Amino acid sequence: MRQNRKFDVSALDNKRNRRMIKKLGWPGLVLIIVIAGITYLFSGTENDGEEYTLGVFHEVTVDQFIDGDTTRFNFNGSSESFRYLIIDTPEVRTNSGRPEPYAVEASERVRELLTEADTVEVEFDVGPLTDDYDRYLAYIYADGKMVNEILVREGLAEVRYVHPPNMSHLERLEEAEAAAQEENAGMWAE
């Protein structure tokens, strides 16, 4: 008389998995793990989603003022460092211990613009969201006015660190810089 045996699918799957691992060997298994890890790392870091793209503004609050082109904002539930796109302000902290000319003025202007604003927002560009120091790269707005542009227009920053494709507002900032140079504003004064 035949006995009814239940077919155990999980046991078969485990046998198949063991056979596959034996066929692949340890180098093959390591390769699969590396590919899975790389896929995981790059699955959410590119600026390819509608959520983080040009023309989409994200409201933030100031957590800490760093200098004229870097501020820490409360963003997505945590304090994050933001580097202002396409501009560079003189350095407050230098090896000599003395700030570069217009560094303090640039920092104070950022503090004034962001402190007095009812709404502070950030706008990402079409390229990478962060730089090599894990700072978010963005255009910063105080009550709808681009802080990056204001600093350049007042001669407290210059157009610099242009890294395609994050250059959607480059022409606008170059025009502001040309106007500041023409009027000898800020660092362009002679």
N, C-alpha and C. Protein backbone atom coordinates (compact mmCIF):
# COMPACT_ATOMS: atom_id res chain seq x y z
N MET A 1 0.83 -1.18 0.00
CA MET A 1 0.00 0.00 0.00
C MET A 1 0.88 1.25 0.00
N ARG A 2 0.49 2.19 -0.83
CA ARG A 2 1.24 3.44 -0.95
C ARG A 2 0.88 4.41 0.14
N GLN A 3 1.91 5.12 0.63
CA GLN A 3 1.65 6.15 1.62
C GLN A 3 1.58 7.50 0.92
N ASN A 4 0.66 8.33 1.41
CA ASN A 4 0.57 9.69 0.87
C ASN A 4 1.63 10.55 1.54
N ARG A 5 2.52 11.07 0.72
CA ARG A 5 3.54 11.97 1.25
C ARG A 5 3.26 13.37 0.75
N LYS A 6 3.39 14.30 1.64
CA LYS A 6 3.22 15.70 1.24
C LYS A 6 4.51 16.17 0.60
N PHE A 7 4.35 16.96 -0.43
CA PHE A 7 5.50 17.48 -1.15
C PHE A 7 5.95 18.76 -0.46
N ASP A 8 7.18 18.82 0.01
CA ASP A 8 7.72 19.98 0.72
C ASP A 8 8.49 20.86 -0.26
N VAL A 9 7.84 21.95 -0.71
CA VAL A 9 8.43 22.86 -1.69
C VAL A 9 9.62 23.59 -1.10
N SER A 10 9.56 23.99 0.16
CA SER A 10 10.67 24.73 0.76
C SER A 10 11.94 23.88 0.81
N ALA A 11 11.80 22.60 1.04
CA ALA A 11 12.97 21.72 1.05
C ALA A 11 13.60 21.66 -0.34
N LEU A 12 12.75 21.59 -1.37
CA LEU A 12 13.24 21.56 -2.74
C LEU A 12 13.95 22.87 -3.08
N ASP A 13 13.36 24.01 -2.68
CA ASP A 13 13.98 25.32 -2.91
C ASP A 13 15.33 25.41 -2.24
N ASN A 14 15.42 24.93 -1.02
CA ASN A 14 16.70 24.95 -0.31
C ASN A 14 17.74 24.11 -1.04
N LYS A 15 17.32 22.93 -1.56
CA LYS A 15 18.24 22.07 -2.30
C LYS A 15 18.70 22.78 -3.57
N ARG A 16 17.77 23.43 -4.28
CA ARG A 16 18.12 24.17 -5.49
C ARG A 16 19.09 25.30 -5.17
N ASN A 17 18.82 26.03 -4.11
CA ASN A 17 19.71 27.13 -3.72
C ASN A 17 21.11 26.62 -3.41
N ARG A 18 21.18 25.48 -2.69
CA ARG A 18 22.49 24.92 -2.36
C ARG A 18 23.23 24.47 -3.61
N ARG A 19 22.49 23.86 -4.55
CA ARG A 19 23.12 23.44 -5.80
C ARG A 19 23.62 24.66 -6.59
N MET A 20 22.82 25.73 -6.63
CA MET A 20 23.20 26.92 -7.36
C MET A 20 24.45 27.54 -6.74
N ILE A 21 24.51 27.60 -5.41
CA ILE A 21 25.69 28.15 -4.73
C ILE A 21 26.91 27.31 -5.02
N LYS A 22 26.73 25.97 -5.04
CA LYS A 22 27.86 25.09 -5.37
C LYS A 22 28.35 25.36 -6.78
N LYS A 23 27.42 25.56 -7.73
CA LYS A 23 27.80 25.82 -9.12
C LYS A 23 28.53 27.16 -9.24
N LEU A 24 28.01 28.16 -8.54
CA LEU A 24 28.62 29.50 -8.61
C LEU A 24 29.94 29.55 -7.87
N GLY A 25 30.01 28.85 -6.78
CA GLY A 25 31.18 28.91 -5.93
C GLY A 25 31.20 30.22 -5.16
N TRP A 26 32.17 30.35 -4.28
CA TRP A 26 32.26 31.56 -3.47
C TRP A 26 32.51 32.81 -4.31
N PRO A 27 33.35 32.76 -5.33
CA PRO A 27 33.55 33.97 -6.14
C PRO A 27 32.25 34.46 -6.79
N GLY A 28 31.44 33.52 -7.26
CA GLY A 28 30.16 33.89 -7.87
C GLY A 28 29.21 34.48 -6.86
N LEU A 29 29.17 33.91 -5.67
CA LEU A 29 28.32 34.41 -4.61
C LEU A 29 28.73 35.82 -4.20
N VAL A 30 30.04 36.03 -4.08
CA VAL A 30 30.55 37.37 -3.73
C VAL A 30 30.17 38.36 -4.82
N LEU A 31 30.27 37.95 -6.09
CA LEU A 31 29.89 38.83 -7.20
C LEU A 31 28.42 39.23 -7.11
N ILE A 32 27.55 38.28 -6.80
CA ILE A 32 26.12 38.58 -6.66
C ILE A 32 25.89 39.57 -5.53
N ILE A 33 26.58 39.39 -4.41
CA ILE A 33 26.43 40.30 -3.27
C ILE A 33 26.92 41.69 -3.63
N VAL A 34 28.04 41.78 -4.34
CA VAL A 34 28.58 43.08 -4.76
C VAL A 34 27.62 43.78 -5.70
N ILE A 35 27.08 43.06 -6.67
CA ILE A 35 26.12 43.66 -7.62
C ILE A 35 24.88 44.14 -6.88
N ALA A 36 24.38 43.34 -5.95
CA ALA A 36 23.21 43.75 -5.16
C ALA A 36 23.51 45.01 -4.35
N GLY A 37 24.71 45.08 -3.77
CA GLY A 37 25.10 46.25 -2.99
C GLY A 37 25.20 47.50 -3.84
N ILE A 38 25.80 47.38 -5.01
CA ILE A 38 25.92 48.53 -5.91
C ILE A 38 24.55 49.00 -6.36
N THR A 39 23.68 48.06 -6.69
CA THR A 39 22.32 48.41 -7.09
C THR A 39 21.61 49.15 -5.97
N TYR A 40 21.79 48.69 -4.74
CA TYR A 40 21.16 49.36 -3.59
C TYR A 40 21.71 50.77 -3.42
N LEU A 41 23.03 50.92 -3.50
CA LEU A 41 23.64 52.24 -3.30
C LEU A 41 23.17 53.26 -4.31
N PHE A 42 23.00 52.85 -5.54
CA PHE A 42 22.64 53.80 -6.59
C PHE A 42 21.14 53.88 -6.84
N SER A 43 20.36 53.15 -6.10
CA SER A 43 18.92 53.14 -6.35
C SER A 43 18.21 54.41 -5.92
N GLY A 44 18.76 55.19 -4.98
CA GLY A 44 18.04 56.38 -4.53
C GLY A 44 18.89 57.62 -4.49
N THR A 45 20.11 57.59 -4.99
CA THR A 45 20.97 58.75 -4.84
C THR A 45 20.97 59.67 -6.05
N GLU A 46 20.50 59.20 -7.17
CA GLU A 46 20.47 60.07 -8.35
C GLU A 46 19.27 60.99 -8.29
N ASN A 47 19.42 62.14 -8.89
CA ASN A 47 18.35 63.12 -8.92
C ASN A 47 17.48 62.87 -10.13
N ASP A 48 16.77 61.73 -10.14
CA ASP A 48 15.95 61.39 -11.28
C ASP A 48 14.46 61.37 -10.95
N GLY A 49 14.12 61.67 -9.73
CA GLY A 49 12.72 61.65 -9.34
C GLY A 49 12.11 63.03 -9.40
N GLU A 50 10.81 63.07 -9.55
CA GLU A 50 10.08 64.33 -9.61
C GLU A 50 10.23 65.10 -8.31
N GLU A 51 10.43 64.38 -7.21
CA GLU A 51 10.48 65.00 -5.89
C GLU A 51 11.67 65.95 -5.73
N TYR A 52 12.81 65.60 -6.32
CA TYR A 52 14.01 66.41 -6.18
C TYR A 52 14.49 66.85 -7.56
N THR A 53 13.85 67.84 -8.11
CA THR A 53 14.23 68.29 -9.43
C THR A 53 14.02 69.79 -9.57
N LEU A 54 14.54 70.34 -10.63
CA LEU A 54 14.44 71.76 -10.90
C LEU A 54 12.98 72.19 -10.95
N GLY A 55 12.68 73.29 -10.32
CA GLY A 55 11.32 73.83 -10.32
C GLY A 55 10.46 73.34 -9.18
N VAL A 56 10.96 72.39 -8.40
CA VAL A 56 10.24 71.89 -7.22
C VAL A 56 10.92 72.47 -5.99
N PHE A 57 10.15 73.21 -5.19
CA PHE A 57 10.72 73.90 -4.03
C PHE A 57 10.34 73.14 -2.75
N HIS A 58 11.32 73.07 -1.84
CA HIS A 58 11.12 72.37 -0.57
C HIS A 58 11.34 73.37 0.55
N GLU A 59 10.34 73.54 1.37
CA GLU A 59 10.47 74.47 2.49
C GLU A 59 11.37 73.87 3.56
N VAL A 60 12.26 74.70 4.09
CA VAL A 60 13.21 74.29 5.12
C VAL A 60 13.25 75.37 6.20
N THR A 61 13.88 75.03 7.31
CA THR A 61 14.16 76.03 8.34
C THR A 61 15.66 75.98 8.64
N VAL A 62 16.19 77.13 9.04
CA VAL A 62 17.62 77.22 9.32
C VAL A 62 17.93 76.50 10.62
N ASP A 63 18.97 75.67 10.58
CA ASP A 63 19.45 75.02 11.79
C ASP A 63 20.73 75.70 12.27
N GLN A 64 21.63 76.02 11.32
CA GLN A 64 22.90 76.63 11.70
C GLN A 64 23.49 77.37 10.51
N PHE A 65 23.99 78.58 10.76
CA PHE A 65 24.69 79.33 9.73
C PHE A 65 26.16 78.92 9.76
N ILE A 66 26.70 78.54 8.62
CA ILE A 66 28.10 78.12 8.53
C ILE A 66 28.94 79.26 7.96
N ASP A 67 28.64 79.66 6.72
CA ASP A 67 29.32 80.80 6.10
C ASP A 67 28.44 81.32 4.97
N GLY A 68 29.02 82.07 4.05
CA GLY A 68 28.21 82.69 3.00
C GLY A 68 27.63 81.75 1.98
N ASP A 69 28.23 80.58 1.79
CA ASP A 69 27.72 79.66 0.77
C ASP A 69 27.36 78.27 1.31
N THR A 70 27.30 78.14 2.62
CA THR A 70 26.91 76.87 3.24
C THR A 70 26.06 77.14 4.47
N THR A 71 24.93 76.46 4.55
CA THR A 71 24.02 76.60 5.69
C THR A 71 23.47 75.22 6.02
N ARG A 72 23.23 74.97 7.29
CA ARG A 72 22.55 73.74 7.70
C ARG A 72 21.06 74.05 7.84
N PHE A 73 20.26 73.23 7.15
CA PHE A 73 18.81 73.39 7.20
C PHE A 73 18.18 72.14 7.77
N ASN A 74 17.02 72.31 8.41
CA ASN A 74 16.20 71.18 8.81
C ASN A 74 15.44 70.75 7.56
N PHE A 75 15.75 69.55 7.08
CA PHE A 75 15.22 69.05 5.82
C PHE A 75 14.94 67.56 5.97
N ASN A 76 13.74 67.17 5.61
CA ASN A 76 13.34 65.75 5.70
C ASN A 76 13.56 65.17 7.10
N GLY A 77 13.31 65.96 8.11
CA GLY A 77 13.36 65.47 9.48
C GLY A 77 14.73 65.47 10.14
N SER A 78 15.75 66.01 9.46
CA SER A 78 17.07 66.06 10.10
C SER A 78 17.84 67.30 9.65
N SER A 79 18.88 67.62 10.38
CA SER A 79 19.73 68.75 10.06
C SER A 79 20.71 68.33 8.97
N GLU A 80 20.67 69.04 7.84
CA GLU A 80 21.50 68.69 6.69
C GLU A 80 22.27 69.91 6.21
N SER A 81 23.48 69.69 5.75
CA SER A 81 24.32 70.76 5.22
C SER A 81 23.99 71.00 3.75
N PHE A 82 23.82 72.27 3.37
CA PHE A 82 23.52 72.65 2.00
C PHE A 82 24.59 73.60 1.48
N ARG A 83 25.10 73.29 0.30
CA ARG A 83 26.08 74.14 -0.40
C ARG A 83 25.33 74.85 -1.51
N TYR A 84 25.44 76.18 -1.56
CA TYR A 84 24.73 76.98 -2.55
C TYR A 84 25.35 76.73 -3.92
N LEU A 85 24.52 76.35 -4.88
CA LEU A 85 24.99 76.00 -6.21
C LEU A 85 25.58 77.18 -6.97
N ILE A 86 26.63 76.92 -7.70
CA ILE A 86 27.28 77.80 -8.69
C ILE A 86 27.90 79.06 -8.11
N ILE A 87 27.97 79.21 -6.80
CA ILE A 87 28.59 80.41 -6.25
C ILE A 87 29.67 80.03 -5.25
N ASP A 88 30.52 81.01 -4.99
CA ASP A 88 31.56 80.85 -3.98
C ASP A 88 31.72 82.18 -3.26
N THR A 89 31.69 82.14 -1.95
CA THR A 89 31.92 83.34 -1.16
C THR A 89 33.31 83.24 -0.53
N PRO A 90 33.90 84.36 -0.17
CA PRO A 90 35.19 84.33 0.51
C PRO A 90 35.09 83.52 1.81
N GLU A 91 36.20 82.92 2.20
CA GLU A 91 36.23 82.02 3.35
C GLU A 91 36.34 82.78 4.68
N VAL A 92 35.51 82.38 5.63
CA VAL A 92 35.56 82.94 6.98
C VAL A 92 36.71 82.30 7.75
N ARG A 93 36.84 80.98 7.63
CA ARG A 93 37.90 80.25 8.34
C ARG A 93 39.06 80.00 7.38
N THR A 94 40.20 80.58 7.71
CA THR A 94 41.39 80.43 6.88
C THR A 94 42.56 79.95 7.73
N ASN A 95 43.62 79.55 7.09
CA ASN A 95 44.83 79.12 7.81
C ASN A 95 45.44 80.25 8.62
N SER A 96 45.29 81.47 8.13
CA SER A 96 45.87 82.62 8.84
C SER A 96 45.06 83.00 10.07
N GLY A 97 43.83 82.49 10.15
CA GLY A 97 42.96 82.84 11.27
C GLY A 97 42.15 84.10 11.02
N ARG A 98 42.43 84.78 9.91
CA ARG A 98 41.68 85.98 9.56
C ARG A 98 40.78 85.69 8.37
N PRO A 99 39.53 86.13 8.40
CA PRO A 99 38.64 85.91 7.27
C PRO A 99 39.13 86.66 6.03
N GLU A 100 38.83 86.10 4.87
CA GLU A 100 39.15 86.78 3.62
C GLU A 100 38.24 88.01 3.47
N PRO A 101 38.67 88.99 2.67
CA PRO A 101 37.83 90.17 2.46
C PRO A 101 36.43 89.79 1.97
N TYR A 102 35.44 90.39 2.56
CA TYR A 102 34.01 90.21 2.26
C TYR A 102 33.42 88.90 2.76
N ALA A 103 34.21 88.08 3.45
CA ALA A 103 33.69 86.82 3.99
C ALA A 103 32.66 87.08 5.09
N VAL A 104 32.98 87.97 5.99
CA VAL A 104 32.07 88.28 7.10
C VAL A 104 30.80 88.93 6.56
N GLU A 105 30.97 89.84 5.59
CA GLU A 105 29.81 90.52 5.00
C GLU A 105 28.88 89.51 4.31
N ALA A 106 29.46 88.55 3.59
CA ALA A 106 28.64 87.53 2.91
C ALA A 106 27.89 86.68 3.93
N SER A 107 28.57 86.27 4.99
CA SER A 107 27.92 85.46 6.03
C SER A 107 26.80 86.23 6.71
N GLU A 108 27.07 87.48 7.04
CA GLU A 108 26.05 88.31 7.69
C GLU A 108 24.85 88.57 6.78
N ARG A 109 25.12 88.71 5.47
CA ARG A 109 24.02 88.95 4.52
C ARG A 109 23.12 87.72 4.41
N VAL A 110 23.72 86.53 4.40
CA VAL A 110 22.93 85.30 4.37
C VAL A 110 22.09 85.19 5.64
N ARG A 111 22.70 85.47 6.77
CA ARG A 111 21.97 85.43 8.04
C ARG A 111 20.79 86.40 8.01
N GLU A 112 21.03 87.61 7.52
CA GLU A 112 19.97 88.62 7.44
C GLU A 112 18.84 88.17 6.51
N LEU A 113 19.17 87.70 5.32
CA LEU A 113 18.15 87.29 4.35
C LEU A 113 17.32 86.13 4.87
N LEU A 114 17.96 85.14 5.45
CA LEU A 114 17.23 83.95 5.89
C LEU A 114 16.48 84.17 7.20
N THR A 115 17.04 85.00 8.08
CA THR A 115 16.38 85.26 9.36
C THR A 115 15.12 86.10 9.17
N GLU A 116 15.19 87.06 8.26
CA GLU A 116 14.05 87.95 8.04
C GLU A 116 12.97 87.36 7.14
N ALA A 117 13.26 86.25 6.48
CA ALA A 117 12.30 85.66 5.55
C ALA A 117 11.19 84.91 6.29
N ASP A 118 10.00 85.03 5.77
CA ASP A 118 8.88 84.24 6.29
C ASP A 118 8.98 82.79 5.82
N THR A 119 9.51 82.62 4.60
CA THR A 119 9.63 81.29 4.01
C THR A 119 11.02 81.11 3.41
N VAL A 120 11.68 80.02 3.76
CA VAL A 120 12.97 79.66 3.17
C VAL A 120 12.76 78.34 2.43
N GLU A 121 13.20 78.31 1.16
CA GLU A 121 13.03 77.12 0.35
C GLU A 121 14.33 76.78 -0.37
N VAL A 122 14.45 75.50 -0.73
CA VAL A 122 15.58 75.05 -1.53
C VAL A 122 15.05 74.45 -2.82
N GLU A 123 15.85 74.61 -3.88
CA GLU A 123 15.51 74.04 -5.19
C GLU A 123 16.74 73.28 -5.68
N PHE A 124 16.56 72.02 -6.01
CA PHE A 124 17.65 71.21 -6.55
C PHE A 124 17.71 71.41 -8.05
N ASP A 125 18.84 71.06 -8.64
CA ASP A 125 18.99 71.14 -10.09
C ASP A 125 18.78 69.76 -10.68
N VAL A 126 19.18 69.55 -11.92
CA VAL A 126 18.90 68.29 -12.60
C VAL A 126 19.97 67.22 -12.39
N GLY A 127 21.11 67.58 -11.82
CA GLY A 127 22.22 66.64 -11.64
C GLY A 127 22.27 66.07 -10.25
N PRO A 128 23.48 65.71 -9.80
CA PRO A 128 23.64 65.10 -8.48
C PRO A 128 23.09 65.99 -7.36
N LEU A 129 22.51 65.34 -6.36
CA LEU A 129 21.93 66.06 -5.22
C LEU A 129 22.98 66.51 -4.21
N THR A 130 24.11 65.79 -4.14
CA THR A 130 25.11 66.09 -3.14
C THR A 130 26.50 66.21 -3.76
N ASP A 131 27.41 66.83 -3.00
CA ASP A 131 28.80 66.94 -3.44
C ASP A 131 29.65 65.88 -2.76
N ASP A 132 30.96 65.97 -2.93
CA ASP A 132 31.88 64.99 -2.35
C ASP A 132 31.91 65.02 -0.82
N TYR A 133 31.36 66.08 -0.22
CA TYR A 133 31.34 66.21 1.24
C TYR A 133 29.95 65.89 1.80
N ASP A 134 29.11 65.28 1.00
CA ASP A 134 27.73 64.91 1.38
C ASP A 134 26.87 66.12 1.71
N ARG A 135 27.20 67.27 1.15
CA ARG A 135 26.35 68.45 1.31
C ARG A 135 25.35 68.47 0.15
N TYR A 136 24.10 68.79 0.46
CA TYR A 136 23.13 68.96 -0.60
C TYR A 136 23.52 70.17 -1.44
N LEU A 137 23.31 70.09 -2.74
CA LEU A 137 23.60 71.18 -3.66
C LEU A 137 22.27 71.79 -4.09
N ALA A 138 22.09 73.10 -3.83
CA ALA A 138 20.78 73.69 -4.11
C ALA A 138 20.87 75.19 -4.32
N TYR A 139 19.80 75.70 -4.91
CA TYR A 139 19.57 77.14 -4.96
C TYR A 139 18.70 77.44 -3.75
N ILE A 140 19.02 78.51 -3.04
CA ILE A 140 18.32 78.84 -1.79
C ILE A 140 17.46 80.08 -2.03
N TYR A 141 16.24 80.06 -1.51
CA TYR A 141 15.30 81.16 -1.71
C TYR A 141 14.79 81.68 -0.37
N ALA A 142 14.78 83.00 -0.24
CA ALA A 142 14.20 83.68 0.93
C ALA A 142 13.01 84.47 0.42
N ASP A 143 11.83 84.08 0.83
CA ASP A 143 10.59 84.70 0.36
C ASP A 143 10.56 84.81 -1.17
N GLY A 144 10.96 83.75 -1.84
CA GLY A 144 10.88 83.67 -3.29
C GLY A 144 12.04 84.31 -4.04
N LYS A 145 12.98 84.93 -3.34
CA LYS A 145 14.13 85.55 -4.00
C LYS A 145 15.35 84.66 -3.82
N MET A 146 16.07 84.41 -4.94
CA MET A 146 17.21 83.50 -4.88
C MET A 146 18.39 84.15 -4.15
N VAL A 147 18.78 83.56 -3.03
CA VAL A 147 19.89 84.07 -2.22
C VAL A 147 21.20 83.98 -3.00
N ASN A 148 21.40 82.91 -3.75
CA ASN A 148 22.61 82.76 -4.56
C ASN A 148 22.79 84.00 -5.44
N GLU A 149 21.72 84.40 -6.10
CA GLU A 149 21.75 85.54 -7.03
C GLU A 149 21.97 86.85 -6.28
N ILE A 150 21.33 87.02 -5.15
CA ILE A 150 21.49 88.26 -4.37
C ILE A 150 22.94 88.43 -3.96
N LEU A 151 23.58 87.37 -3.48
CA LEU A 151 24.98 87.45 -3.06
C LEU A 151 25.89 87.82 -4.22
N VAL A 152 25.66 87.22 -5.38
CA VAL A 152 26.47 87.53 -6.56
C VAL A 152 26.23 88.97 -6.99
N ARG A 153 24.99 89.39 -7.03
CA ARG A 153 24.62 90.73 -7.50
C ARG A 153 25.20 91.82 -6.59
N GLU A 154 25.32 91.52 -5.30
CA GLU A 154 25.86 92.49 -4.35
C GLU A 154 27.39 92.42 -4.23
N GLY A 155 28.02 91.57 -5.03
CA GLY A 155 29.47 91.46 -5.01
C GLY A 155 30.01 90.73 -3.78
N LEU A 156 29.19 89.90 -3.16
CA LEU A 156 29.60 89.13 -1.98
C LEU A 156 29.93 87.68 -2.33
N ALA A 157 29.70 87.32 -3.59
CA ALA A 157 30.00 85.97 -4.09
C ALA A 157 30.34 86.09 -5.56
N GLU A 158 31.03 85.09 -6.05
CA GLU A 158 31.33 85.05 -7.48
C GLU A 158 30.81 83.74 -8.06
N VAL A 159 30.58 83.73 -9.36
CA VAL A 159 30.13 82.53 -10.05
C VAL A 159 31.33 81.58 -10.14
N ARG A 160 31.15 80.39 -9.58
CA ARG A 160 32.24 79.43 -9.53
C ARG A 160 31.68 78.03 -9.30
N TYR A 161 32.51 77.04 -9.46
CA TYR A 161 32.13 75.64 -9.24
C TYR A 161 30.92 75.26 -10.09
N VAL A 162 31.04 75.49 -11.38
CA VAL A 162 29.99 75.12 -12.33
C VAL A 162 30.26 73.69 -12.78
N HIS A 163 29.38 72.77 -12.37
CA HIS A 163 29.55 71.36 -12.69
C HIS A 163 28.31 70.86 -13.41
N PRO A 164 28.40 70.73 -14.76
CA PRO A 164 27.24 70.22 -15.50
C PRO A 164 26.83 68.86 -14.95
N PRO A 165 25.56 68.55 -14.93
CA PRO A 165 24.46 69.32 -15.49
C PRO A 165 23.82 70.30 -14.50
N ASN A 166 24.39 70.44 -13.29
CA ASN A 166 23.83 71.37 -12.31
C ASN A 166 24.18 72.82 -12.66
N MET A 167 23.54 73.34 -13.70
CA MET A 167 23.85 74.69 -14.13
C MET A 167 22.64 75.38 -14.77
N SER A 168 21.46 75.00 -14.35
CA SER A 168 20.24 75.53 -14.95
C SER A 168 20.09 77.04 -14.78
N HIS A 169 20.62 77.60 -13.68
CA HIS A 169 20.51 79.04 -13.45
C HIS A 169 21.84 79.76 -13.68
N LEU A 170 22.74 79.13 -14.44
CA LEU A 170 24.06 79.72 -14.67
C LEU A 170 23.98 81.08 -15.36
N GLU A 171 23.22 81.17 -16.42
CA GLU A 171 23.12 82.43 -17.15
C GLU A 171 22.60 83.56 -16.26
N ARG A 172 21.61 83.26 -15.47
CA ARG A 172 21.05 84.25 -14.54
C ARG A 172 22.11 84.75 -13.56
N LEU A 173 22.92 83.82 -13.04
CA LEU A 173 23.96 84.20 -12.09
C LEU A 173 25.11 84.93 -12.78
N GLU A 174 25.44 84.55 -14.00
CA GLU A 174 26.48 85.27 -14.75
C GLU A 174 26.06 86.71 -15.04
N GLU A 175 24.79 86.92 -15.34
CA GLU A 175 24.28 88.27 -15.57
C GLU A 175 24.37 89.10 -14.29
N ALA A 176 24.06 88.50 -13.16
CA ALA A 176 24.16 89.20 -11.88
C ALA A 176 25.61 89.56 -11.58
N GLU A 177 26.53 88.66 -11.89
CA GLU A 177 27.95 88.93 -11.67
C GLU A 177 28.46 90.05 -12.57
N ALA A 178 28.04 90.04 -13.83
CA ALA A 178 28.45 91.10 -14.76
C ALA A 178 27.96 92.45 -14.28
N ALA A 179 26.74 92.52 -13.76
CA ALA A 179 26.20 93.77 -13.24
C ALA A 179 26.98 94.23 -12.01
N ALA A 180 27.33 93.30 -11.13
CA ALA A 180 28.10 93.64 -9.93
C ALA A 180 29.48 94.16 -10.31
N GLN A 181 30.11 93.52 -11.28
CA GLN A 181 31.44 93.97 -11.73
C GLN A 181 31.37 95.36 -12.36
N GLU A 182 30.34 95.57 -13.16
CA GLU A 182 30.17 96.87 -13.83
C GLU A 182 29.99 98.00 -12.82
N GLU A 183 29.30 97.69 -11.73
CA GLU A 183 29.03 98.71 -10.71
C GLU A 183 30.09 98.72 -9.59
N ASN A 184 31.12 97.88 -9.73
CA ASN A 184 32.16 97.77 -8.70
C ASN A 184 31.57 97.47 -7.32
N ALA A 185 30.61 96.57 -7.29
CA ALA A 185 29.94 96.21 -6.03
C ALA A 185 30.79 95.22 -5.24
N GLY A 186 30.82 95.40 -3.94
CA GLY A 186 31.46 94.45 -3.04
C GLY A 186 32.89 94.13 -3.42
N MET A 187 33.17 92.85 -3.64
CA MET A 187 34.54 92.42 -3.92
C MET A 187 35.07 92.94 -5.25
N TRP A 188 34.22 93.50 -6.08
CA TRP A 188 34.65 94.05 -7.36
C TRP A 188 35.06 95.52 -7.25
N ALA A 189 34.95 96.09 -6.07
CA ALA A 189 35.35 97.50 -5.87
C ALA A 189 36.87 97.62 -6.00
N GLU A 190 37.29 98.67 -6.60
CA GLU A 190 38.75 98.89 -6.77
C GLU A 190 39.14 100.19 -6.14
